[in-house]
Structure formats: C-alpha cells, structure tokens
C-alpha cells in the first residue's frame, strides 16, 4: 500500500496557505502533503491536522494523503495515530520502533522509515508563476499508468 502513496507527487507544507496552494494546483489529482521534519514534536499532530482540514475545506474533493513526520519521538508518533494520521515518518532505528509499528498496524496506518522526496513549498512564492509551474511540473513526473486510482 505504501508504494501506491509514494508514487504521488509530494509537497512539504508549513501552514494552511501552502496546503491550500498545493491542493489548488493539484486540482483533484492525488498528492502527498508532508509536514516539516519533526513537525509532530514542534506543533503537534492536532495543529497539522487542523491546517490540512482548513485547506481541504477550501478545496472540496481534494485528493490528498497527509504524512506527519514524527522524527525519533515515539510519543509523538502514538499521538499522531490517536489523531487519525494513517501515514507517518518515524525513525525505525529507534528502540521503540516495534511498538510504534505495532500501534500503527492496529490503527490501520503505515510508517515510513525515511521521508519521501518532496518539493518544499516553504522555498517557493505563490505569487510567482514560475514557482507555480514547478509545482504543476511534479504531476507530469508521474506516468499515467502509475497514477494511483
């Protein structure tokens, strides 16, 4: 199941505005919205969930999967699972990795040991057309036969 998610274009979003921008440019196509590294420790799962919920409300029918980066913090990973996240990034070298993987399996969630490659929207300006074209170009990198259904 994870392989299907990883075929989607991925974008790092740092707030509601960037998440809404990503969903607008995606125009209903499948996309991964990835938190900043370790965001589960800094802002918490509730904050990231709220950011994505607000962006999704602005773009009904958006087709995205949220990925919350929990770094090497098992408590943050468990909190993310309780908040309903189904795809997490967690350091699988951590001694508590088996516990996190077990909890994820019980919750029907997946855990990635490394962050997917993603375009960081924090480095782009939504007012610049060439930056918007960089986002749009992500969707051209996924062959039609590999587009998740």
Protein backbone atom coordinates (compact mmCIF):
# COMPACT_ATOMS: atom_id res chain seq x y z
CA UNK A 1 0.00 0.00 0.00
CA UNK A 2 2.83 2.41 0.80
CA UNK A 3 4.24 2.07 -2.73
CA UNK A 4 1.00 3.49 -4.17
CA UNK A 5 1.23 6.51 -1.90
CA UNK A 6 4.87 7.10 -2.77
CA UNK A 7 4.05 7.35 -6.47
CA UNK A 8 2.10 10.51 -5.74
CA UNK A 9 3.78 13.90 -6.08
CA UNK A 10 4.79 15.08 -2.61
CA UNK A 11 4.95 18.60 -1.19
CA UNK A 12 6.14 19.83 2.19
CA UNK A 13 3.65 22.31 3.61
CA UNK A 14 4.32 24.57 6.59
CA UNK A 15 0.86 26.08 7.05
CA UNK A 16 -2.70 26.42 5.79
CA UNK A 17 -1.81 28.77 2.95
CA UNK A 18 0.75 26.41 1.49
CA UNK A 19 -1.54 23.40 1.91
CA UNK A 20 -4.36 25.26 0.14
CA UNK A 21 -1.96 26.31 -2.63
CA UNK A 22 -0.86 22.69 -3.11
CA UNK A 23 -4.46 21.45 -3.29
CA UNK A 24 -5.44 24.20 -5.73
CA UNK A 25 -2.58 23.36 -8.10
CA UNK A 26 -3.24 19.62 -7.70
CA UNK A 27 -6.79 20.25 -8.95
CA UNK A 28 -8.17 16.96 -7.63
CA UNK A 29 -5.15 14.85 -8.61
CA UNK A 30 -3.65 12.68 -5.87
CA UNK A 31 -0.91 14.35 -3.83
CA UNK A 32 1.03 13.75 -0.61
CA UNK A 33 1.08 16.67 1.82
CA UNK A 34 4.11 16.17 4.03
CA UNK A 35 4.79 18.05 7.25
CA UNK A 36 8.10 19.71 8.00
CA UNK A 37 10.72 17.41 9.55
CA UNK A 38 9.78 16.65 13.15
CA UNK A 39 6.57 18.70 12.96
CA UNK A 40 4.81 16.27 15.30
CA UNK A 41 7.24 17.37 18.04
CA UNK A 42 7.00 21.10 17.41
CA UNK A 43 3.44 21.97 16.52
CA UNK A 44 1.84 18.63 17.25
CA UNK A 45 -0.48 16.36 15.30
CA UNK A 46 -3.54 18.46 16.13
CA UNK A 47 -2.05 21.55 14.54
CA UNK A 48 -1.10 19.76 11.31
CA UNK A 49 -4.50 18.07 11.13
CA UNK A 50 -6.20 21.45 11.56
CA UNK A 51 -4.04 23.00 8.81
CA UNK A 52 -4.99 20.23 6.39
CA UNK A 53 -8.67 20.25 7.38
CA UNK A 54 -8.88 24.00 6.73
CA UNK A 55 -7.14 23.66 3.35
CA UNK A 56 -9.39 20.75 2.39
CA UNK A 57 -12.47 22.80 3.32
CA UNK A 58 -11.33 25.40 0.79
CA UNK A 59 -10.92 22.70 -1.88
CA UNK A 60 -13.78 20.20 -1.66
CA UNK A 61 -12.97 16.96 -3.41
CA UNK A 62 -9.23 17.37 -2.88
CA UNK A 63 -7.40 14.06 -3.20
CA UNK A 64 -4.52 14.11 -0.73
CA UNK A 65 -2.80 11.95 1.81
CA UNK A 66 -1.30 13.55 4.91
CA UNK A 67 2.16 12.47 6.05
CA UNK A 68 3.22 13.61 9.53
CA UNK A 69 6.91 13.49 10.39
CA UNK A 70 7.41 12.25 13.94
CA UNK A 71 11.23 12.09 13.79
CA UNK A 72 12.51 9.78 16.55
CA UNK A 73 9.74 10.55 19.03
CA UNK A 74 7.58 7.51 19.78
CA UNK A 75 5.21 9.58 21.94
CA UNK A 76 4.59 11.95 19.03
CA UNK A 77 4.04 9.00 16.70
CA UNK A 78 1.47 7.49 19.06
CA UNK A 79 -0.26 10.87 19.41
CA UNK A 80 -0.37 11.14 15.61
CA UNK A 81 -2.01 7.73 15.38
CA UNK A 82 -4.57 8.76 18.03
CA UNK A 83 -5.25 11.91 15.97
CA UNK A 84 -6.10 9.70 12.99
CA UNK A 85 -3.00 10.00 10.79
CA UNK A 86 -2.63 6.98 8.53
CA UNK A 87 0.86 7.68 7.21
CA UNK A 88 3.77 8.68 9.45
CA UNK A 89 7.50 9.17 9.15
CA UNK A 90 9.35 7.69 12.13
CA UNK A 91 12.98 6.73 12.74
CA UNK A 92 12.85 2.93 12.56
CA UNK A 93 16.27 2.68 14.23
CA UNK A 94 14.70 3.95 17.46
CA UNK A 95 14.43 1.28 20.21
CA UNK A 96 10.65 1.81 20.36
CA UNK A 97 10.17 1.26 16.61
CA UNK A 98 8.49 -2.14 17.07
CA UNK A 99 5.96 -0.62 19.45
CA UNK A 100 5.19 2.21 17.03
CA UNK A 101 4.87 -0.25 14.13
CA UNK A 102 2.52 -2.43 16.20
CA UNK A 103 0.35 0.53 17.15
CA UNK A 104 0.29 1.67 13.53
CA UNK A 105 -0.80 -1.77 12.36
CA UNK A 106 -3.62 -1.77 14.94
CA UNK A 107 -4.72 1.66 13.71
CA UNK A 108 -4.55 0.64 10.05
CA UNK A 109 -1.70 3.09 9.49
CA UNK A 110 1.65 2.87 7.73
CA UNK A 111 5.07 4.02 8.94
CA UNK A 112 7.84 5.21 6.65
CA UNK A 113 11.41 4.94 7.88
CA UNK A 114 12.56 7.84 5.71
CA UNK A 115 10.91 10.96 4.38
CA UNK A 116 9.67 10.78 0.80
CA UNK A 117 11.30 13.12 -1.67
CA UNK A 118 9.18 16.24 -1.78
CA UNK A 119 9.11 19.80 -3.05
CA UNK A 120 9.28 22.15 -0.06
CA UNK A 121 6.67 24.87 -0.61
CA UNK A 122 8.41 26.95 2.05
CA UNK A 123 11.08 27.70 -0.54
CA UNK A 124 8.56 28.97 -3.11
CA UNK A 125 6.44 32.09 -3.52
CA UNK A 126 2.80 31.57 -4.60
CA UNK A 127 2.81 34.97 -6.31
CA UNK A 128 5.41 33.82 -8.83
CA UNK A 129 4.11 31.95 -11.87
CA UNK A 130 7.39 30.13 -12.38
CA UNK A 131 7.11 28.72 -8.84
CA UNK A 132 3.57 27.57 -9.50
CA UNK A 133 4.81 25.89 -12.69
CA UNK A 134 7.37 23.99 -10.58
CA UNK A 135 4.51 22.54 -8.55
CA UNK A 136 2.48 21.71 -11.64
CA UNK A 137 5.53 20.01 -13.15
CA UNK A 138 5.52 17.49 -10.29
CA UNK A 139 2.36 15.96 -11.69
CA UNK A 140 3.99 15.46 -15.08
CA UNK A 141 6.68 13.26 -13.49
CA UNK A 142 4.17 10.51 -12.65
CA UNK A 143 3.42 8.31 -15.69
CA UNK A 144 -0.33 7.81 -16.26
CA UNK A 145 -0.05 4.06 -15.60
CA UNK A 146 1.44 4.81 -12.17
CA UNK A 147 -1.21 7.33 -11.14
CA UNK A 148 -2.93 5.97 -8.02
CA UNK A 149 -6.56 5.11 -8.60
